[in-house]
């Protein structure tokens, strides 16, 4: 059977009759397989459990992002429902996450909330397009040092961003840059309010205590309820959601398009690209984590489409960017979820909270939310992975620390771009070093044993004078082409016959093909015969497409090296005579 018939999904248009199943949501698949009352019971329990975790986190992340707490809940409800309903992961829980805090804060600071809505709409379209183009398959190739670097950098920015509320400094309009913010906080440490820091520390200790002794209990929610009751009972002068943002709305807003302008779209394009990138990365990482915990397999491109639709809808309803949340997804699995309906139930439960209990959110102290976000930031920092990278090769360390430092001190967009460029350059360097060109007159033992007819071949250990052999080992790609060309052209007096053994070349790109074409032309001008052996069909097809072999009369192909050696002997004799 041909390769085309074996892998029909990889051929043809984006939504061909052979590829539509890649975009079928897991919800439909599992319901079609059969869904029982027992399964519903599992999903209801898991969905309510995740809702309890998501409730405080959604509000805290929205506040940290520079907007109001209701925006976080809207995102968890609208985007969370659509991600579970349309996604390609069985257990994915979607909503606002810490990865977006820095980019959302910067967009709102520069362009206002209207700019954030427009950027999120654009990011949603990008994610849908990425899914339809099946780019989800390639997310796994994003270098780990880049992911670790910007994730740790974001975590550090989130952590420092909570110091103001944690200490009760009441500083407005803090500088956006890291050094300026740290300087302003240090200069105002004398303004610390003791009762605020008591609430912050109590919240922090209570959450850590519950994590140690009762890890299955909803520590964040318990801390919020306990601190809210404490502040209300003793009428403490502590800033709360109500005192800073007013009363929470008890309904979802009507969908609305933002104000559009071509200039604004151009200015927001880098931020939209970053939002789409972060949403794609974190959602698929979350899906991979879920697969590892359960032994299931997600549909990456279906997941990207769902993320795009969810972000588009979240923006229309006045929400924020959303993605798959790793911690909430893991909680969903541990709570015994059976299907994506648990995520839908989680969204419905949050909606009921907004409809019935929104006014109670006014009593939540911001100091408690700052303690929650500090714990979220620590979990995001992946300190163990950063420490582990100290043992990595120096190139990987440079990529990680460059990405991290640029994220913290300069800009997240630039950090990702530079991290990718550094990783690409490092990869090219490694690949170029991995490609070996062996030049030898001596026949290898395996080659001597492999000769067509040892009885008719001269029993010598070397190729005759005038015959030169090269053995390539590794991909003949753009990073290695120049080095290979230098080696190929460094032959001194032209030989009569050159054997190019390419059996260990898995692929060749346009630059490699061009380098080889230059060598072939130079050899042909000198009347040198080129015998290419072991060339795979894919490599040969690329050479033919690139016209590397056109009008080259002195080029011959052989399947095996022994055949090329046997053919080289009479060709060499003709030239010598």
Protein backbone atom coordinates (compact mmCIF):
# COMPACT_ATOMS: atom_id res chain seq x y z
CA UNK A 1 0.00 0.00 0.00
CA UNK A 2 1.37 3.44 -0.88
CA UNK A 3 2.19 6.07 1.69
CA UNK A 4 -0.62 8.24 0.35
CA UNK A 5 -3.26 5.63 1.02
CA UNK A 6 -1.73 4.79 4.37
CA UNK A 7 -1.94 8.36 5.64
CA UNK A 8 -4.90 10.00 3.92
CA UNK A 9 -5.39 12.48 6.74
CA UNK A 10 -2.17 14.28 5.85
CA UNK A 11 -3.18 14.91 2.24
CA UNK A 12 -5.64 17.23 0.55
CA UNK A 13 -7.53 20.32 1.77
CA UNK A 14 -7.97 21.37 5.36
CA UNK A 15 -11.44 19.90 5.79
CA UNK A 16 -11.41 17.02 3.35
CA UNK A 17 -13.67 14.04 3.74
CA UNK A 18 -10.76 12.17 5.29
CA UNK A 19 -9.93 14.78 7.94
CA UNK A 20 -13.25 16.00 9.31
CA UNK A 21 -13.07 13.54 12.23
CA UNK A 22 -10.03 15.44 13.58
CA UNK A 23 -12.40 18.23 14.60
CA UNK A 24 -15.18 16.20 16.21
CA UNK A 25 -15.51 17.31 19.88
CA UNK A 26 -14.88 14.76 22.60
CA UNK A 27 -18.31 15.58 24.05
CA UNK A 28 -20.03 14.14 20.99
CA UNK A 29 -17.75 11.11 20.88
CA UNK A 30 -18.35 10.15 24.52
CA UNK A 31 -22.11 10.76 24.44
CA UNK A 32 -22.37 8.64 21.31
CA UNK A 33 -20.52 5.80 23.04
CA UNK A 34 -23.14 5.77 25.79
CA UNK A 35 -23.72 7.93 28.84
CA UNK A 36 -25.32 6.62 32.03
CA UNK A 37 -26.69 8.08 35.26
CA UNK A 38 -23.53 6.92 37.03
CA UNK A 39 -21.44 8.90 34.57
CA UNK A 40 -23.60 11.97 35.17
CA UNK A 41 -23.12 11.62 38.92
CA UNK A 42 -19.33 11.56 38.43
CA UNK A 43 -19.42 14.64 36.21
CA UNK A 44 -21.69 16.61 38.53
CA UNK A 45 -19.44 16.00 41.54
CA UNK A 46 -16.29 16.85 39.55
CA UNK A 47 -17.86 19.94 37.97
CA UNK A 48 -18.98 21.36 41.32
CA UNK A 49 -15.56 20.65 42.79
CA UNK A 50 -13.80 22.53 40.00
CA UNK A 51 -16.30 25.41 40.23
CA UNK A 52 -15.38 25.85 43.90
CA UNK A 53 -11.71 26.12 42.88
CA UNK A 54 -12.39 28.35 39.86
CA UNK A 55 -14.61 30.85 41.69
CA UNK A 56 -11.93 32.68 43.71
CA UNK A 57 -9.22 32.19 41.07
CA UNK A 58 -11.29 33.77 38.30
CA UNK A 59 -11.91 36.92 40.31
CA UNK A 60 -8.33 37.14 41.58
CA UNK A 61 -6.82 36.74 38.10
CA UNK A 62 -9.15 39.40 36.68
CA UNK A 63 -8.12 41.90 39.36
CA UNK A 64 -4.43 41.09 38.82
CA UNK A 65 -4.95 41.68 35.09
CA UNK A 66 -6.10 45.23 35.71
CA UNK A 67 -9.82 44.74 35.24
CA UNK A 68 -12.85 43.99 37.43
CA UNK A 69 -13.54 40.62 39.11
CA UNK A 70 -16.76 40.01 37.17
CA UNK A 71 -14.71 39.81 33.95
CA UNK A 72 -12.94 36.75 35.32
CA UNK A 73 -16.22 35.04 36.16
CA UNK A 74 -17.69 35.84 32.73
CA UNK A 75 -14.62 34.28 31.13
CA UNK A 76 -14.85 31.13 33.26
CA UNK A 77 -18.55 30.77 32.44
CA UNK A 78 -18.62 31.53 28.69
CA UNK A 79 -15.20 30.27 27.64
CA UNK A 80 -15.22 27.41 30.14
CA UNK A 81 -18.51 26.10 28.73
CA UNK A 82 -17.42 26.31 25.07
CA UNK A 83 -13.98 24.80 25.66
CA UNK A 84 -15.56 21.74 27.28
CA UNK A 85 -18.40 21.55 24.75
CA UNK A 86 -16.29 21.87 21.57
CA UNK A 87 -12.81 20.81 22.69
CA UNK A 88 -10.69 17.84 21.76
CA UNK A 89 -9.69 16.95 25.33
CA UNK A 90 -11.88 14.79 27.53
CA UNK A 91 -11.13 16.52 30.81
CA UNK A 92 -10.08 20.06 29.87
CA UNK A 93 -11.28 22.91 32.11
CA UNK A 94 -11.00 26.36 30.54
CA UNK A 95 -10.99 29.87 31.92
CA UNK A 96 -8.66 32.74 32.79
CA UNK A 97 -5.14 31.72 33.82
CA UNK A 98 -2.02 33.35 35.20
CA UNK A 99 -0.28 33.16 31.83
CA UNK A 100 -2.43 36.03 30.54
CA UNK A 101 -2.08 38.39 33.50
CA UNK A 102 0.92 40.37 32.22
CA UNK A 103 -0.16 40.70 28.59
CA UNK A 104 -3.77 41.58 29.55
CA UNK A 105 -2.57 44.18 32.06
CA UNK A 106 -0.33 45.80 29.44
CA UNK A 107 -3.05 45.84 26.77
CA UNK A 108 -5.56 47.47 29.14
CA UNK A 109 -2.95 49.99 30.29
CA UNK A 110 -2.18 51.03 26.68
CA UNK A 111 -5.49 50.60 24.86
CA UNK A 112 -8.18 50.33 27.53
CA UNK A 113 -10.65 47.50 27.93
CA UNK A 114 -11.97 48.01 24.37
CA UNK A 115 -8.46 47.19 23.13
CA UNK A 116 -8.41 43.99 25.16
CA UNK A 117 -11.73 42.86 23.70
CA UNK A 118 -10.49 43.50 20.17
CA UNK A 119 -7.17 41.72 20.82
CA UNK A 120 -9.02 38.72 22.26
CA UNK A 121 -11.34 38.58 19.24
CA UNK A 122 -8.31 38.62 16.94
CA UNK A 123 -6.60 35.93 19.01
CA UNK A 124 -9.72 33.78 18.79
CA UNK A 125 -9.67 33.99 15.00
CA UNK A 126 -5.97 33.12 14.95
CA UNK A 127 -6.57 30.03 17.10
CA UNK A 128 -9.40 28.81 14.89
CA UNK A 129 -7.20 29.27 11.81
CA UNK A 130 -4.29 27.50 13.52
CA UNK A 131 -6.52 24.54 14.36
CA UNK A 132 -7.95 24.30 10.83
CA UNK A 133 -4.39 24.42 9.45
CA UNK A 134 -3.52 21.61 11.88
CA UNK A 135 -0.75 23.54 13.61
CA UNK A 136 -1.64 21.92 16.94
CA UNK A 137 0.51 18.97 15.98
CA UNK A 138 3.60 21.18 16.01
CA UNK A 139 3.10 22.81 19.43
CA UNK A 140 5.12 19.97 20.95
CA UNK A 141 8.20 21.25 19.11
CA UNK A 142 8.29 24.52 21.09
CA UNK A 143 11.55 24.39 23.10
CA UNK A 144 11.13 23.72 26.80
CA UNK A 145 13.61 26.47 27.85
CA UNK A 146 11.43 29.07 26.09
CA UNK A 147 8.25 27.83 27.79
CA UNK A 148 9.93 27.61 31.20
CA UNK A 149 11.58 31.01 30.78
CA UNK A 150 8.51 33.06 29.97
CA UNK A 151 6.31 31.10 32.42
CA UNK A 152 8.74 31.77 35.27
CA UNK A 153 9.06 35.40 34.22
CA UNK A 154 5.27 35.84 34.23
CA UNK A 155 5.11 34.20 37.66
CA UNK A 156 7.65 36.68 39.04
CA UNK A 157 5.67 39.61 37.63
CA UNK A 158 2.42 38.29 39.12
CA UNK A 159 4.06 37.80 42.51
CA UNK A 160 5.51 41.31 42.65
CA UNK A 161 2.22 42.72 41.41
CA UNK A 162 0.46 41.44 44.55
CA UNK A 163 2.81 43.06 47.08
CA UNK A 164 0.81 46.30 47.06
CA UNK A 165 -2.45 44.64 48.21
CA UNK A 166 -0.66 42.07 50.38
CA UNK A 167 0.95 44.82 52.48
CA UNK A 168 -1.94 47.27 52.25
CA UNK A 169 0.18 50.07 50.73
CA UNK A 170 -2.75 51.50 48.70
CA UNK A 171 -0.45 52.71 45.93
CA UNK A 172 -2.25 53.81 42.77
CA UNK A 173 -0.66 54.03 39.34
CA UNK A 174 2.36 51.89 40.10
CA UNK A 175 5.00 51.99 37.32
CA UNK A 176 4.47 49.29 34.72
CA UNK A 177 8.13 48.32 34.45
CA UNK A 178 9.53 45.81 36.95
CA UNK A 179 12.36 47.93 38.37
CA UNK A 180 10.13 50.99 38.70
CA UNK A 181 7.48 48.95 40.50
CA UNK A 182 9.97 47.40 42.92
CA UNK A 183 11.50 50.81 43.62
CA UNK A 184 8.09 52.37 44.33
CA UNK A 185 7.12 49.52 46.64
CA UNK A 186 10.41 49.75 48.55
CA UNK A 187 10.06 53.49 48.99
CA UNK A 188 6.58 53.10 50.53
CA UNK A 189 7.16 50.21 52.92
CA UNK A 190 6.56 52.60 55.82
CA UNK A 191 2.88 52.70 54.77
CA UNK A 192 2.26 49.03 55.63
CA UNK A 193 -1.04 48.57 57.47
CA UNK A 194 -0.76 45.97 60.22
CA UNK A 195 -4.36 44.72 60.06
CA UNK A 196 -4.07 44.25 56.28
CA UNK A 197 -0.89 42.22 56.51
CA UNK A 198 -2.47 40.11 59.28
CA UNK A 199 -5.31 39.21 56.90
CA UNK A 200 -2.78 38.47 54.14
CA UNK A 201 -0.61 36.25 56.33
CA UNK A 202 -3.62 34.46 57.85
CA UNK A 203 -4.92 33.74 54.36
CA UNK A 204 -1.53 32.46 53.22
CA UNK A 205 -1.02 30.26 56.29
CA UNK A 206 -4.56 28.87 56.14
CA UNK A 207 -4.21 27.87 52.49
CA UNK A 208 -0.81 26.25 53.10
CA UNK A 209 -2.11 24.51 56.21
CA UNK A 210 -5.09 23.06 54.34
CA UNK A 211 -2.87 21.95 51.47
CA UNK A 212 -0.71 20.04 53.91
CA UNK A 213 -3.38 18.43 56.11
CA UNK A 214 -6.47 18.39 53.87
CA UNK A 215 -5.32 18.64 50.25
CA UNK A 216 -8.75 17.72 48.88
CA UNK A 217 -10.45 20.64 50.61
CA UNK A 218 -11.00 23.87 48.59
CA UNK A 219 -8.36 25.91 50.39
CA UNK A 220 -8.80 29.07 48.30
CA UNK A 221 -12.55 29.23 48.86
CA UNK A 222 -12.26 28.41 52.56
CA UNK A 223 -9.70 31.18 53.00
CA UNK A 224 -11.93 33.69 51.19
CA UNK A 225 -15.00 32.80 53.25
CA UNK A 226 -13.05 32.83 56.53
CA UNK A 227 -11.32 36.16 55.87
CA UNK A 228 -14.53 37.78 54.59
CA UNK A 229 -16.33 36.75 57.78
CA UNK A 230 -13.41 38.02 59.86
CA UNK A 231 -13.36 41.41 58.17
CA UNK A 232 -17.15 41.73 58.37
CA UNK A 233 -17.40 40.59 62.02
CA UNK A 234 -14.76 43.00 63.33
CA UNK A 235 -15.54 45.76 60.83
CA UNK A 236 -11.87 45.93 59.84
CA UNK A 237 -10.74 48.79 57.64
CA UNK A 238 -9.54 46.53 54.84
CA UNK A 239 -10.03 47.16 51.14
CA UNK A 240 -12.56 44.73 49.65
CA UNK A 241 -14.01 44.00 46.22
CA UNK A 242 -17.03 46.11 47.13
CA UNK A 243 -15.03 49.12 48.31
CA UNK A 244 -12.80 49.14 45.24
CA UNK A 245 -15.02 47.88 42.41
CA UNK A 246 -18.53 48.35 43.69
CA UNK A 247 -21.26 45.73 43.67
CA UNK A 248 -20.80 42.72 41.40
CA UNK A 249 -23.38 42.42 38.57
CA UNK A 250 -25.80 39.52 39.06
CA UNK A 251 -26.27 38.67 35.37
CA UNK A 252 -24.27 38.19 32.20
CA UNK A 253 -24.00 41.20 29.88
CA UNK A 254 -25.39 41.11 26.36
CA UNK A 255 -22.83 40.31 23.64
CA UNK A 256 -21.35 43.39 22.00
CA UNK A 257 -18.70 44.10 19.37
CA UNK A 258 -15.89 46.53 20.29
CA UNK A 259 -15.11 49.73 18.44
CA UNK A 260 -13.05 48.85 15.39
CA UNK A 261 -10.39 50.76 13.50
CA UNK A 262 -7.67 49.59 11.15
CA UNK A 263 -4.96 51.48 13.07
CA UNK A 264 -6.02 49.86 16.35
CA UNK A 265 -6.01 46.42 14.75
CA UNK A 266 -2.43 47.00 13.54
CA UNK A 267 -1.30 48.18 16.96
CA UNK A 268 -2.95 45.25 18.74
CA UNK A 269 -1.74 42.56 16.33
CA UNK A 270 1.43 41.65 18.34
CA UNK A 271 -0.59 41.39 21.57
CA UNK A 272 -3.27 39.31 19.84
CA UNK A 273 -0.57 37.00 18.51
CA UNK A 274 0.87 36.63 22.01
CA UNK A 275 -2.57 35.85 23.47
CA UNK A 276 -3.18 33.23 20.77
CA UNK A 277 0.27 31.75 21.33
CA UNK A 278 -0.16 31.52 25.10
CA UNK A 279 -3.68 30.11 24.76
CA UNK A 280 -2.51 27.47 22.31
CA UNK A 281 0.54 26.50 24.33
CA UNK A 282 -1.15 26.27 27.73
CA UNK A 283 -4.28 24.52 26.46
CA UNK A 284 -2.31 21.79 24.71
CA UNK A 285 0.10 21.43 27.63
CA UNK A 286 -2.94 21.00 29.88
CA UNK A 287 -4.37 18.41 27.48
CA UNK A 288 -1.06 16.53 27.49
CA UNK A 289 -1.00 16.55 31.30
CA UNK A 290 -4.56 15.19 31.31
CA UNK A 291 -3.57 12.45 28.87
CA UNK A 292 -0.66 11.50 31.09
CA UNK A 293 -2.91 11.27 34.15
CA UNK A 294 -5.65 9.22 32.45
CA UNK A 295 -4.10 7.38 29.52
CA UNK A 296 -6.42 9.13 27.03
CA UNK A 297 -5.50 10.99 23.84
CA UNK A 298 -6.63 14.49 22.96
CA UNK A 299 -7.26 15.99 19.51
CA UNK A 300 -4.92 18.94 19.38
CA UNK A 301 -6.37 20.71 16.36
CA UNK A 302 -9.94 20.32 17.58
CA UNK A 303 -8.77 21.78 20.88
CA UNK A 304 -7.27 24.83 19.16
CA UNK A 305 -10.51 25.46 17.26
CA UNK A 306 -12.48 25.24 20.52
CA UNK A 307 -10.06 27.64 22.22
CA UNK A 308 -10.51 30.09 19.35
CA UNK A 309 -14.31 29.96 19.48
CA UNK A 310 -14.24 30.28 23.29
CA UNK A 311 -11.97 33.34 23.22
CA UNK A 312 -14.12 34.96 20.54
CA UNK A 313 -17.26 34.40 22.61
CA UNK A 314 -15.60 35.51 25.84
CA UNK A 315 -14.65 38.82 24.24
CA UNK A 316 -18.17 39.35 22.88
CA UNK A 317 -19.65 38.90 26.36
CA UNK A 318 -17.14 41.26 27.97
CA UNK A 319 -14.71 38.69 29.31
CA UNK A 320 -10.96 38.07 29.05
CA UNK A 321 -8.66 35.69 27.18
CA UNK A 322 -9.08 32.05 28.20
CA UNK A 323 -7.23 28.78 27.84
CA UNK A 324 -7.05 25.33 29.37
CA UNK A 325 -6.08 25.58 33.04
CA UNK A 326 -3.66 22.83 34.07
CA UNK A 327 -4.40 22.93 37.81
CA UNK A 328 -8.19 23.00 37.35
CA UNK A 329 -8.02 20.24 34.75
CA UNK A 330 -5.99 18.10 37.16
CA UNK A 331 -8.56 18.82 39.90
CA UNK A 332 -11.31 17.76 37.52
CA UNK A 333 -9.59 14.42 36.91
CA UNK A 334 -8.87 13.78 40.59
CA UNK A 335 -12.52 14.53 41.39
CA UNK A 336 -13.55 11.61 39.16
CA UNK A 337 -14.79 13.35 35.98
CA UNK A 338 -15.96 11.03 33.22
CA UNK A 339 -16.57 13.37 30.27
CA UNK A 340 -16.41 17.03 29.16
CA UNK A 341 -19.83 17.49 30.74
CA UNK A 342 -17.99 18.09 34.03
CA UNK A 343 -16.52 21.24 32.51
CA UNK A 344 -19.94 22.33 31.29
CA UNK A 345 -21.39 21.74 34.77
CA UNK A 346 -18.52 23.78 36.26
CA UNK A 347 -19.49 26.70 34.01
CA UNK A 348 -23.20 26.38 34.83
CA UNK A 349 -22.42 26.27 38.57
CA UNK A 350 -20.41 29.50 38.28
CA UNK A 351 -23.31 31.09 36.40
CA UNK A 352 -25.68 30.19 39.24
CA UNK A 353 -23.27 31.73 41.74
CA UNK A 354 -23.28 34.98 39.72
CA UNK A 355 -27.07 34.99 39.43
CA UNK A 356 -27.76 34.18 43.10
CA UNK A 357 -24.81 35.26 45.24
CA UNK A 358 -22.97 38.06 43.38
CA UNK A 359 -23.63 40.72 46.08
CA UNK A 360 -21.75 38.64 48.67
CA UNK A 361 -18.51 39.04 46.68
CA UNK A 362 -18.36 42.64 47.87
CA UNK A 363 -17.09 41.45 51.28
CA UNK A 364 -14.03 39.60 49.91
CA UNK A 365 -10.82 41.35 51.09
CA UNK A 366 -8.26 42.08 48.38
CA UNK A 367 -5.49 41.06 50.79
CA UNK A 368 -6.83 37.51 50.74
CA UNK A 369 -6.95 37.49 46.92
CA UNK A 370 -3.35 38.74 46.82
CA UNK A 371 -2.28 35.80 49.01
CA UNK A 372 -4.06 33.41 46.63
CA UNK A 373 -2.30 34.90 43.62
CA UNK A 374 1.09 34.68 45.32
CA UNK A 375 0.54 30.94 45.69
CA UNK A 376 -0.59 30.74 42.05
CA UNK A 377 2.57 32.61 41.02
CA UNK A 378 4.78 30.22 43.00
CA UNK A 379 3.10 27.24 41.36
CA UNK A 380 3.56 28.85 37.93
CA UNK A 381 7.23 29.60 38.50
CA UNK A 382 8.20 25.93 38.17
CA UNK A 383 11.19 26.61 40.39
CA UNK A 384 12.18 22.95 40.27
CA UNK A 385 12.40 23.06 36.47
CA UNK A 386 14.46 26.25 36.55
CA UNK A 387 16.87 24.65 39.02
CA UNK A 388 16.97 21.50 36.91
CA UNK A 389 18.01 23.57 33.88
CA UNK A 390 21.23 24.52 35.67
CA UNK A 391 22.39 21.04 34.65
CA UNK A 392 21.36 21.59 31.02
CA UNK A 393 23.81 22.45 28.20
CA UNK A 394 24.95 26.07 28.25
CA UNK A 395 22.94 26.92 25.14
CA UNK A 396 19.67 25.85 26.76
CA UNK A 397 20.54 27.86 29.86
CA UNK A 398 21.16 30.96 27.74
CA UNK A 399 17.76 30.55 26.04
CA UNK A 400 15.93 30.10 29.36
CA UNK A 401 17.53 33.03 31.17
CA UNK A 402 17.31 35.33 28.16
CA UNK A 403 13.59 34.60 27.81
CA UNK A 404 13.00 34.98 31.56
CA UNK A 405 14.92 38.26 31.92
CA UNK A 406 13.34 39.81 28.82
CA UNK A 407 9.89 38.82 30.11
CA UNK A 408 10.54 40.52 33.44
CA UNK A 409 12.52 43.59 32.42
CA UNK A 410 11.47 44.34 28.82
CA UNK A 411 8.41 42.82 27.16
CA UNK A 412 6.72 39.43 26.88
CA UNK A 413 6.32 39.68 23.08
CA UNK A 414 10.02 40.40 22.61
CA UNK A 415 10.95 37.66 25.09
CA UNK A 416 9.07 35.01 23.10
CA UNK A 417 10.49 36.21 19.78
CA UNK A 418 14.08 36.31 21.02
CA UNK A 419 13.66 32.97 22.81
CA UNK A 420 12.51 31.35 19.58
CA UNK A 421 15.31 32.91 17.53
CA UNK A 422 17.96 31.80 20.04
CA UNK A 423 16.48 28.30 20.12
CA UNK A 424 16.44 28.12 16.33
CA UNK A 425 20.06 29.26 16.07
CA UNK A 426 21.05 26.77 18.78
CA UNK A 427 19.21 23.99 16.97
CA UNK A 428 20.90 24.83 13.67
CA UNK A 429 24.29 24.81 15.35
CA UNK A 430 23.61 21.43 16.96
CA UNK A 431 22.35 19.96 13.70
CA UNK A 432 25.31 21.30 11.75
CA UNK A 433 27.64 19.65 14.25
CA UNK A 434 25.68 16.42 14.02
CA UNK A 435 26.14 16.15 10.23
CA UNK A 436 29.32 14.26 9.48
CA UNK A 437 31.18 14.04 6.20
CA UNK A 438 33.62 11.17 6.07
CA UNK A 439 36.25 11.34 3.35
CA UNK A 440 38.15 8.14 2.80
CA UNK A 441 40.28 6.26 0.36
CA UNK A 442 40.17 3.27 2.65
CA UNK A 443 37.19 1.03 2.14
CA UNK A 444 35.32 0.22 5.32
CA UNK A 445 35.18 -3.45 6.27
CA UNK A 446 31.43 -3.55 5.63
CA UNK A 447 32.00 -2.09 2.17
CA UNK A 448 34.65 -4.68 1.28
CA UNK A 449 32.35 -7.45 2.39
CA UNK A 450 29.54 -5.86 0.41
CA UNK A 451 31.24 -5.80 -2.99
CA UNK A 452 29.21 -7.29 -5.81
CA UNK A 453 31.66 -10.10 -6.49
CA UNK A 454 34.70 -10.24 -4.23
CA UNK A 455 36.32 -12.83 -6.49
CA UNK A 456 36.43 -10.43 -9.45
CA UNK A 457 37.36 -7.33 -7.45
CA UNK A 458 41.00 -6.51 -6.79
CA UNK A 459 41.80 -7.63 -3.23
CA UNK A 460 43.03 -4.27 -2.01
CA UNK A 461 42.17 -2.31 1.10
CA UNK A 462 42.03 1.11 -0.61
CA UNK A 463 40.21 2.76 -3.47
CA UNK A 464 42.50 3.25 -6.46
CA UNK A 465 44.15 6.58 -7.17
CA UNK A 466 41.63 8.91 -8.80
CA UNK A 467 38.58 7.64 -6.91
CA UNK A 468 37.34 9.64 -3.94
CA UNK A 469 34.49 8.62 -1.62
CA UNK A 470 32.35 10.74 0.70
CA UNK A 471 29.90 9.37 3.25
CA UNK A 472 27.27 11.78 4.58
CA UNK A 473 25.69 11.09 7.95
CA UNK A 474 22.78 13.32 8.97
CA UNK A 475 20.18 15.64 7.47
CA UNK A 476 21.50 17.73 4.58
CA UNK A 477 19.77 20.95 5.65
CA UNK A 478 20.42 24.68 5.55
CA UNK A 479 22.34 24.78 8.83
CA UNK A 480 24.91 22.28 7.56
CA UNK A 481 24.97 23.04 3.82
CA UNK A 482 27.75 25.63 3.88
CA UNK A 483 30.06 23.44 5.94
CA UNK A 484 29.43 20.52 3.65
CA UNK A 485 30.07 22.62 0.55
CA UNK A 486 33.39 23.79 1.99
CA UNK A 487 34.36 20.19 2.64
CA UNK A 488 33.26 19.01 -0.79
CA UNK A 489 35.16 21.71 -2.66
CA UNK A 490 38.35 21.19 -0.63
CA UNK A 491 39.52 18.29 -2.82
CA UNK A 492 42.74 19.74 -4.31
CA UNK A 493 43.46 18.03 -7.66
CA UNK A 494 40.13 16.90 -9.15
CA UNK A 495 39.69 13.12 -8.95
CA UNK A 496 38.35 11.05 -11.83
CA UNK A 497 35.41 9.59 -9.91
CA UNK A 498 33.64 10.78 -6.77
CA UNK A 499 31.30 8.46 -4.88
CA UNK A 500 28.71 10.24 -2.71
CA UNK A 501 27.29 7.78 -0.20
CA UNK A 502 23.97 9.30 0.97
CA UNK A 503 22.35 6.28 2.56
CA UNK A 504 22.37 8.01 5.99
CA UNK A 505 20.84 11.28 4.76
CA UNK A 506 17.17 11.28 5.92
CA UNK A 507 16.24 14.52 4.12
CA UNK A 508 17.67 17.42 2.15
CA UNK A 509 16.30 20.95 1.94
CA UNK A 510 16.69 23.67 -0.70
CA UNK A 511 19.98 25.02 0.69
CA UNK A 512 21.47 21.56 0.93
CA UNK A 513 20.25 20.80 -2.60
CA UNK A 514 21.82 24.03 -3.85
CA UNK A 515 25.15 23.21 -2.18
CA UNK A 516 25.16 19.78 -3.76
CA UNK A 517 24.16 21.25 -7.13
CA UNK A 518 27.13 23.64 -7.04
CA UNK A 519 29.50 20.77 -6.32
CA UNK A 520 27.97 18.66 -9.11
CA UNK A 521 28.38 21.51 -11.64
CA UNK A 522 31.99 22.07 -10.60
CA UNK A 523 32.69 18.37 -10.93
CA UNK A 524 31.00 18.12 -14.33
CA UNK A 525 33.05 21.02 -15.70
CA UNK A 526 36.17 19.04 -14.81
CA UNK A 527 34.80 15.88 -16.39
CA UNK A 528 34.56 14.14 -13.02
CA UNK A 529 32.08 11.27 -12.74
CA UNK A 530 29.71 11.47 -9.75
CA UNK A 531 28.26 8.23 -8.48
CA UNK A 532 25.48 8.85 -5.93
CA UNK A 533 24.55 5.83 -3.87
CA UNK A 534 21.94 4.99 -1.26
CA UNK A 535 19.86 8.08 -2.06
CA UNK A 536 16.34 7.76 -0.61
CA UNK A 537 13.34 8.44 -2.88
CA UNK A 538 12.47 11.55 -0.85
CA UNK A 539 15.97 13.01 -1.19
CA UNK A 540 16.13 12.17 -4.90
CA UNK A 541 12.71 13.76 -5.46
CA UNK A 542 13.88 16.98 -3.78
CA UNK A 543 17.04 17.06 -5.90
CA UNK A 544 14.97 16.61 -9.06
CA UNK A 545 12.48 19.31 -8.03
CA UNK A 546 15.31 21.73 -7.35
CA UNK A 547 16.88 20.89 -10.76
CA UNK A 548 20.09 19.92 -8.99
CA UNK A 549 20.54 17.04 -11.45
CA UNK A 550 19.43 18.69 -14.70
CA UNK A 551 21.88 18.52 -17.62
CA UNK A 552 24.43 16.60 -15.58
CA UNK A 553 25.69 13.86 -17.92
CA UNK A 554 28.35 12.59 -15.55
CA UNK A 555 25.96 11.69 -12.70
CA UNK A 556 24.81 8.14 -12.01
CA UNK A 557 22.66 6.69 -9.23
CA UNK A 558 23.12 3.34 -7.54
CA UNK A 559 21.09 1.63 -4.85
CA UNK A 560 24.10 0.22 -2.99
CA UNK A 561 27.59 1.44 -2.28
CA UNK A 562 29.11 -1.81 -3.53
CA UNK A 563 27.56 -1.22 -6.98
CA UNK A 564 29.04 2.29 -7.10
CA UNK A 565 32.50 0.99 -6.20
CA UNK A 566 32.26 -1.71 -8.86
CA UNK A 567 31.18 0.91 -11.47
CA UNK A 568 33.90 3.37 -10.41
CA UNK A 569 36.79 1.08 -11.33
CA UNK A 570 36.31 1.02 -15.13
CA UNK A 571 35.33 4.73 -15.21
CA UNK A 572 38.56 5.58 -13.41
CA UNK A 573 40.59 3.41 -15.77
CA UNK A 574 39.11 5.20 -18.80
CA UNK A 575 40.13 8.60 -17.40
CA UNK A 576 43.62 7.37 -16.53
CA UNK A 577 44.11 6.02 -20.02
